[in-house]
Structure formats: C-alpha cells, structure tokens
C-alpha cells in the first residue's frame, strides 16, 4: 500500500495518476470517511484505519489537516486530531509514504 499525504488542493490526484498508473485510487480521502467519536481517540483512530484499509486500495490519500489554524469548533479539532493519528497508523503499515505539495511529490519512506 502507498500512502499519499497532502494538503487539500495540492495536486495529489494528478500526481498519483501520473506516477502510479494502473494503481487502484480510492474514491475518497481519509478525512472523508465516517468516524466515531470515542473518548479514547487512539481507539477511534485504530477503527478508522481499519475502515480505510478494508477498501483494499493500492493508494490511500490523506489530507494533512493539522498544519494550519487550529479550529475553534471542538468537533473540527477532534476530526483533525483523528485524521492525524490515523495517518500515523497507516504510515506504519504502508510500503511507501509520499508527501505532495504544489503537485510535487517527495517520498519520505
């Protein structure tokens, strides 16, 4: 599995199509999956990681939500934290990890 991390609208889908032709691209990004609110956010992240991996995609796209302004809304903060923790779990299992900015990818593992 290949994990692609990017900010929103950074050209990640075009990058994947150009650099990984024939690979199965998921219909949605990690931050678009349904998630459960748990008191233990690590448990929620583990559940979300399982849900994402059940789709059996060759590529997993994950927007980086925690590198900007911290949301005032508690639910948005929870979501950003959840996606961040989930991306760490997915990165542990990934064969390759890439970060894409301005349409340029850099392999970080």
N, C-alpha and C. Protein backbone atom coordinates (compact mmCIF):
# COMPACT_ATOMS: atom_id res chain seq x y z
N UNK A 1 0.83 -1.17 0.00
CA UNK A 1 0.00 0.00 0.00
C UNK A 1 0.89 1.25 0.00
N UNK A 2 0.45 2.26 -0.73
CA UNK A 2 1.18 3.53 -0.83
C UNK A 2 0.31 4.61 -0.19
N UNK A 3 0.87 5.33 0.77
CA UNK A 3 0.17 6.42 1.45
C UNK A 3 0.64 7.74 0.87
N UNK A 4 -0.31 8.56 0.43
CA UNK A 4 0.00 9.89 -0.11
C UNK A 4 -0.59 10.92 0.84
N UNK A 5 0.27 11.72 1.46
CA UNK A 5 -0.15 12.78 2.36
C UNK A 5 -0.07 14.10 1.62
N UNK A 6 -1.07 14.95 1.80
CA UNK A 6 -1.04 16.26 1.14
C UNK A 6 -2.02 17.19 1.83
N UNK A 7 -1.84 18.47 1.57
CA UNK A 7 -2.87 19.43 1.94
C UNK A 7 -3.98 19.33 0.91
N UNK A 8 -5.09 19.96 1.17
CA UNK A 8 -6.17 19.95 0.19
C UNK A 8 -5.76 20.77 -1.03
N UNK A 9 -6.19 20.30 -2.18
CA UNK A 9 -5.98 21.00 -3.46
C UNK A 9 -4.49 21.19 -3.79
N UNK A 10 -3.69 20.18 -3.49
CA UNK A 10 -2.26 20.25 -3.76
C UNK A 10 -1.83 19.42 -4.96
N UNK A 11 -2.80 18.94 -5.73
CA UNK A 11 -2.47 18.19 -6.94
C UNK A 11 -2.16 16.73 -6.69
N UNK A 12 -2.62 16.20 -5.56
CA UNK A 12 -2.30 14.82 -5.20
C UNK A 12 -2.92 13.80 -6.15
N UNK A 13 -4.13 14.05 -6.61
CA UNK A 13 -4.76 13.09 -7.52
C UNK A 13 -4.05 13.06 -8.88
N UNK A 14 -3.68 14.21 -9.40
CA UNK A 14 -2.93 14.27 -10.66
C UNK A 14 -1.58 13.60 -10.49
N UNK A 15 -0.91 13.86 -9.38
CA UNK A 15 0.39 13.25 -9.09
C UNK A 15 0.28 11.72 -9.09
N UNK A 16 -0.74 11.20 -8.43
CA UNK A 16 -0.92 9.75 -8.35
C UNK A 16 -1.17 9.15 -9.73
N UNK A 17 -2.03 9.79 -10.51
CA UNK A 17 -2.34 9.28 -11.86
C UNK A 17 -1.10 9.26 -12.75
N UNK A 18 -0.24 10.26 -12.60
CA UNK A 18 0.97 10.35 -13.43
C UNK A 18 2.07 9.39 -12.98
N UNK A 19 2.22 9.21 -11.67
CA UNK A 19 3.35 8.45 -11.14
C UNK A 19 3.02 7.00 -10.77
N UNK A 20 1.74 6.69 -10.65
CA UNK A 20 1.36 5.33 -10.28
C UNK A 20 0.25 4.83 -11.20
N UNK A 21 0.51 4.81 -12.52
CA UNK A 21 -0.53 4.37 -13.45
C UNK A 21 -0.93 2.92 -13.17
N UNK A 22 -2.21 2.66 -13.31
CA UNK A 22 -2.72 1.30 -13.10
C UNK A 22 -3.01 0.96 -11.65
N UNK A 23 -2.62 1.82 -10.73
CA UNK A 23 -2.89 1.57 -9.31
C UNK A 23 -4.33 1.97 -9.00
N UNK A 24 -4.94 1.24 -8.09
CA UNK A 24 -6.30 1.50 -7.65
C UNK A 24 -6.33 2.73 -6.75
N UNK A 25 -7.00 3.78 -7.20
CA UNK A 25 -7.11 5.02 -6.43
C UNK A 25 -8.44 5.02 -5.69
N UNK A 26 -8.44 5.32 -4.40
CA UNK A 26 -9.68 5.27 -3.63
C UNK A 26 -10.67 6.36 -4.05
N UNK A 27 -11.94 6.10 -3.79
CA UNK A 27 -12.99 7.06 -4.13
C UNK A 27 -12.99 8.25 -3.17
N UNK A 28 -12.45 8.05 -1.97
CA UNK A 28 -12.45 9.16 -1.02
C UNK A 28 -11.14 9.21 -0.24
N UNK A 29 -10.91 10.38 0.33
CA UNK A 29 -9.75 10.66 1.14
C UNK A 29 -10.03 10.20 2.58
N UNK A 30 -8.99 9.96 3.35
CA UNK A 30 -9.16 9.51 4.73
C UNK A 30 -10.05 10.47 5.51
N UNK A 31 -9.92 11.76 5.28
CA UNK A 31 -10.72 12.72 6.05
C UNK A 31 -12.20 12.74 5.63
N UNK A 32 -12.57 11.98 4.61
CA UNK A 32 -13.95 11.93 4.15
C UNK A 32 -14.71 10.70 4.67
N UNK A 33 -14.03 9.81 5.36
CA UNK A 33 -14.69 8.62 5.90
C UNK A 33 -15.54 9.00 7.11
N UNK A 34 -16.58 8.19 7.35
CA UNK A 34 -17.36 8.36 8.57
C UNK A 34 -16.50 7.92 9.74
N UNK A 35 -16.65 8.58 10.84
CA UNK A 35 -15.85 8.24 12.01
C UNK A 35 -16.72 8.26 13.25
N UNK A 36 -16.27 7.53 14.25
CA UNK A 36 -17.00 7.53 15.51
C UNK A 36 -16.26 8.41 16.51
N UNK A 37 -17.02 9.01 17.37
CA UNK A 37 -16.43 9.83 18.43
C UNK A 37 -16.25 8.93 19.64
N UNK A 38 -15.02 8.79 20.03
CA UNK A 38 -14.68 7.94 21.17
C UNK A 38 -13.97 8.81 22.20
N UNK A 39 -14.14 8.45 23.45
CA UNK A 39 -13.39 9.14 24.49
C UNK A 39 -11.89 8.86 24.30
N UNK A 40 -11.58 7.64 23.88
CA UNK A 40 -10.21 7.24 23.60
C UNK A 40 -9.95 7.47 22.10
N UNK A 41 -9.31 8.57 21.76
CA UNK A 41 -9.11 8.93 20.36
C UNK A 41 -8.19 7.94 19.64
N UNK A 42 -7.30 7.29 20.39
CA UNK A 42 -6.45 6.27 19.76
C UNK A 42 -7.29 5.08 19.30
N UNK A 43 -8.30 4.73 20.06
CA UNK A 43 -9.21 3.65 19.65
C UNK A 43 -9.98 4.05 18.39
N UNK A 44 -10.44 5.30 18.35
CA UNK A 44 -11.16 5.80 17.17
C UNK A 44 -10.25 5.81 15.96
N UNK A 45 -8.98 6.18 16.13
CA UNK A 45 -8.02 6.20 15.02
C UNK A 45 -7.77 4.78 14.51
N UNK A 46 -7.65 3.83 15.42
CA UNK A 46 -7.44 2.43 15.01
C UNK A 46 -8.65 1.92 14.23
N UNK A 47 -9.85 2.28 14.67
CA UNK A 47 -11.07 1.86 13.96
C UNK A 47 -11.13 2.49 12.57
N UNK A 48 -10.76 3.77 12.47
CA UNK A 48 -10.78 4.45 11.18
C UNK A 48 -9.73 3.84 10.24
N UNK A 49 -8.55 3.52 10.77
CA UNK A 49 -7.50 2.91 9.95
C UNK A 49 -7.97 1.57 9.37
N UNK A 50 -8.65 0.79 10.19
CA UNK A 50 -9.18 -0.50 9.71
C UNK A 50 -10.21 -0.26 8.61
N UNK A 51 -11.08 0.71 8.82
CA UNK A 51 -12.12 1.03 7.83
C UNK A 51 -11.47 1.43 6.49
N UNK A 52 -10.45 2.26 6.54
CA UNK A 52 -9.76 2.71 5.33
C UNK A 52 -9.09 1.53 4.63
N UNK A 53 -8.41 0.69 5.39
CA UNK A 53 -7.68 -0.43 4.80
C UNK A 53 -8.61 -1.51 4.26
N UNK A 54 -9.83 -1.58 4.75
CA UNK A 54 -10.80 -2.56 4.25
C UNK A 54 -11.19 -2.28 2.79
N UNK A 55 -10.97 -1.06 2.32
CA UNK A 55 -11.28 -0.73 0.93
C UNK A 55 -10.30 -1.36 -0.05
N UNK A 56 -9.19 -1.88 0.45
CA UNK A 56 -8.21 -2.61 -0.37
C UNK A 56 -7.67 -1.80 -1.55
N UNK A 57 -7.48 -0.50 -1.36
CA UNK A 57 -6.92 0.34 -2.42
C UNK A 57 -5.40 0.20 -2.44
N UNK A 58 -4.83 0.33 -3.63
CA UNK A 58 -3.36 0.34 -3.75
C UNK A 58 -2.79 1.63 -3.17
N UNK A 59 -3.58 2.70 -3.29
CA UNK A 59 -3.17 4.04 -2.86
C UNK A 59 -4.16 4.51 -1.80
N UNK A 60 -3.65 5.16 -0.76
CA UNK A 60 -4.50 5.82 0.22
C UNK A 60 -4.13 7.29 0.21
N UNK A 61 -5.12 8.14 0.01
CA UNK A 61 -4.92 9.59 0.04
C UNK A 61 -5.34 10.12 1.40
N UNK A 62 -4.51 10.96 1.99
CA UNK A 62 -4.82 11.51 3.31
C UNK A 62 -4.44 12.98 3.35
N UNK A 63 -5.44 13.83 3.55
CA UNK A 63 -5.16 15.25 3.70
C UNK A 63 -4.57 15.53 5.08
N UNK A 64 -3.59 16.39 5.09
CA UNK A 64 -2.98 16.82 6.35
C UNK A 64 -3.83 17.97 6.87
N UNK A 65 -4.53 17.73 7.98
CA UNK A 65 -5.45 18.74 8.50
C UNK A 65 -4.85 19.54 9.65
N UNK A 66 -3.77 19.10 10.22
CA UNK A 66 -3.26 19.73 11.44
C UNK A 66 -2.13 20.71 11.25
N UNK A 67 -1.89 21.19 10.06
CA UNK A 67 -0.76 22.08 9.83
C UNK A 67 -1.19 23.53 9.62
N UNK A 68 -2.40 23.85 9.98
CA UNK A 68 -2.89 25.20 9.78
C UNK A 68 -3.43 25.78 11.08
N UNK A 69 -4.39 26.64 10.93
CA UNK A 69 -5.02 27.26 12.08
C UNK A 69 -5.82 26.20 12.84
N UNK A 70 -5.69 26.19 14.14
CA UNK A 70 -6.45 25.23 14.96
C UNK A 70 -7.90 25.69 15.00
N UNK A 71 -8.83 24.81 14.60
CA UNK A 71 -10.24 25.19 14.58
C UNK A 71 -10.78 25.54 15.96
N UNK A 72 -11.67 26.49 16.01
CA UNK A 72 -12.35 26.85 17.26
C UNK A 72 -13.33 25.75 17.64
N UNK A 73 -14.00 25.20 16.63
CA UNK A 73 -15.02 24.19 16.85
C UNK A 73 -14.40 22.89 17.39
N UNK A 74 -14.95 22.40 18.48
CA UNK A 74 -14.41 21.21 19.13
C UNK A 74 -14.46 19.98 18.21
N UNK A 75 -15.54 19.83 17.45
CA UNK A 75 -15.66 18.69 16.53
C UNK A 75 -14.61 18.75 15.43
N UNK A 76 -14.33 19.93 14.90
CA UNK A 76 -13.31 20.06 13.86
C UNK A 76 -11.91 19.76 14.42
N UNK A 77 -11.67 20.17 15.66
CA UNK A 77 -10.38 19.85 16.30
C UNK A 77 -10.24 18.34 16.48
N UNK A 78 -11.32 17.71 16.92
CA UNK A 78 -11.31 16.25 17.10
C UNK A 78 -11.04 15.56 15.77
N UNK A 79 -11.71 16.01 14.72
CA UNK A 79 -11.55 15.41 13.39
C UNK A 79 -10.11 15.54 12.90
N UNK A 80 -9.52 16.72 13.07
CA UNK A 80 -8.13 16.94 12.64
C UNK A 80 -7.19 16.02 13.42
N UNK A 81 -7.40 15.91 14.70
CA UNK A 81 -6.56 15.04 15.54
C UNK A 81 -6.74 13.58 15.14
N UNK A 82 -7.98 13.19 14.89
CA UNK A 82 -8.27 11.81 14.49
C UNK A 82 -7.60 11.45 13.17
N UNK A 83 -7.71 12.32 12.18
CA UNK A 83 -7.09 12.06 10.87
C UNK A 83 -5.57 12.02 11.01
N UNK A 84 -5.01 12.89 11.82
CA UNK A 84 -3.56 12.88 12.04
C UNK A 84 -3.08 11.58 12.67
N UNK A 85 -3.78 11.14 13.70
CA UNK A 85 -3.39 9.87 14.36
C UNK A 85 -3.60 8.69 13.42
N UNK A 86 -4.68 8.73 12.63
CA UNK A 86 -4.94 7.66 11.68
C UNK A 86 -3.84 7.61 10.62
N UNK A 87 -3.40 8.77 10.15
CA UNK A 87 -2.33 8.79 9.14
C UNK A 87 -1.04 8.18 9.69
N UNK A 88 -0.78 8.36 10.97
CA UNK A 88 0.40 7.74 11.58
C UNK A 88 0.28 6.22 11.57
N UNK A 89 -0.91 5.71 11.89
CA UNK A 89 -1.13 4.26 11.87
C UNK A 89 -1.00 3.70 10.46
N UNK A 90 -1.55 4.42 9.49
CA UNK A 90 -1.46 3.97 8.09
C UNK A 90 -0.02 4.01 7.60
N UNK A 91 0.73 5.03 8.01
CA UNK A 91 2.14 5.14 7.59
C UNK A 91 2.97 3.97 8.12
N UNK A 92 2.65 3.49 9.32
CA UNK A 92 3.37 2.34 9.87
C UNK A 92 3.18 1.10 9.00
N UNK A 93 2.01 0.98 8.36
CA UNK A 93 1.69 -0.22 7.57
C UNK A 93 2.03 -0.05 6.08
N UNK A 94 2.28 1.17 5.65
CA UNK A 94 2.49 1.44 4.23
C UNK A 94 3.86 0.97 3.75
N UNK A 95 3.90 0.53 2.49
CA UNK A 95 5.16 0.17 1.87
C UNK A 95 5.94 1.43 1.47
N UNK A 96 5.20 2.44 1.04
CA UNK A 96 5.79 3.73 0.66
C UNK A 96 4.93 4.84 1.24
N UNK A 97 5.57 5.94 1.62
CA UNK A 97 4.86 7.13 2.08
C UNK A 97 5.40 8.32 1.30
N UNK A 98 4.48 9.08 0.72
CA UNK A 98 4.83 10.27 -0.07
C UNK A 98 4.10 11.47 0.51
N UNK A 99 4.72 12.64 0.35
CA UNK A 99 4.05 13.89 0.66
C UNK A 99 4.01 14.69 -0.64
N UNK A 100 2.86 15.30 -0.92
CA UNK A 100 2.69 16.07 -2.16
C UNK A 100 2.34 17.50 -1.80
N UNK A 101 3.10 18.43 -2.34
CA UNK A 101 2.86 19.88 -2.19
C UNK A 101 3.01 20.50 -3.57
N UNK A 102 2.07 21.33 -3.96
CA UNK A 102 2.11 22.02 -5.25
C UNK A 102 2.33 21.04 -6.41
N UNK A 103 1.73 19.85 -6.29
CA UNK A 103 1.81 18.86 -7.34
C UNK A 103 3.14 18.10 -7.42
N UNK A 104 4.04 18.40 -6.50
CA UNK A 104 5.35 17.76 -6.48
C UNK A 104 5.41 16.77 -5.33
N UNK A 105 5.74 15.53 -5.65
CA UNK A 105 5.79 14.50 -4.63
C UNK A 105 7.20 14.24 -4.16
N UNK A 106 7.31 13.96 -2.87
CA UNK A 106 8.60 13.60 -2.29
C UNK A 106 8.37 12.35 -1.46
N UNK A 107 9.13 11.31 -1.75
CA UNK A 107 8.99 10.08 -0.98
C UNK A 107 9.70 10.27 0.35
N UNK A 108 8.96 10.01 1.44
CA UNK A 108 9.57 10.15 2.76
C UNK A 108 9.81 8.79 3.42
N UNK A 109 9.29 7.74 2.75
CA UNK A 109 9.65 6.37 3.13
C UNK A 109 9.33 5.45 1.99
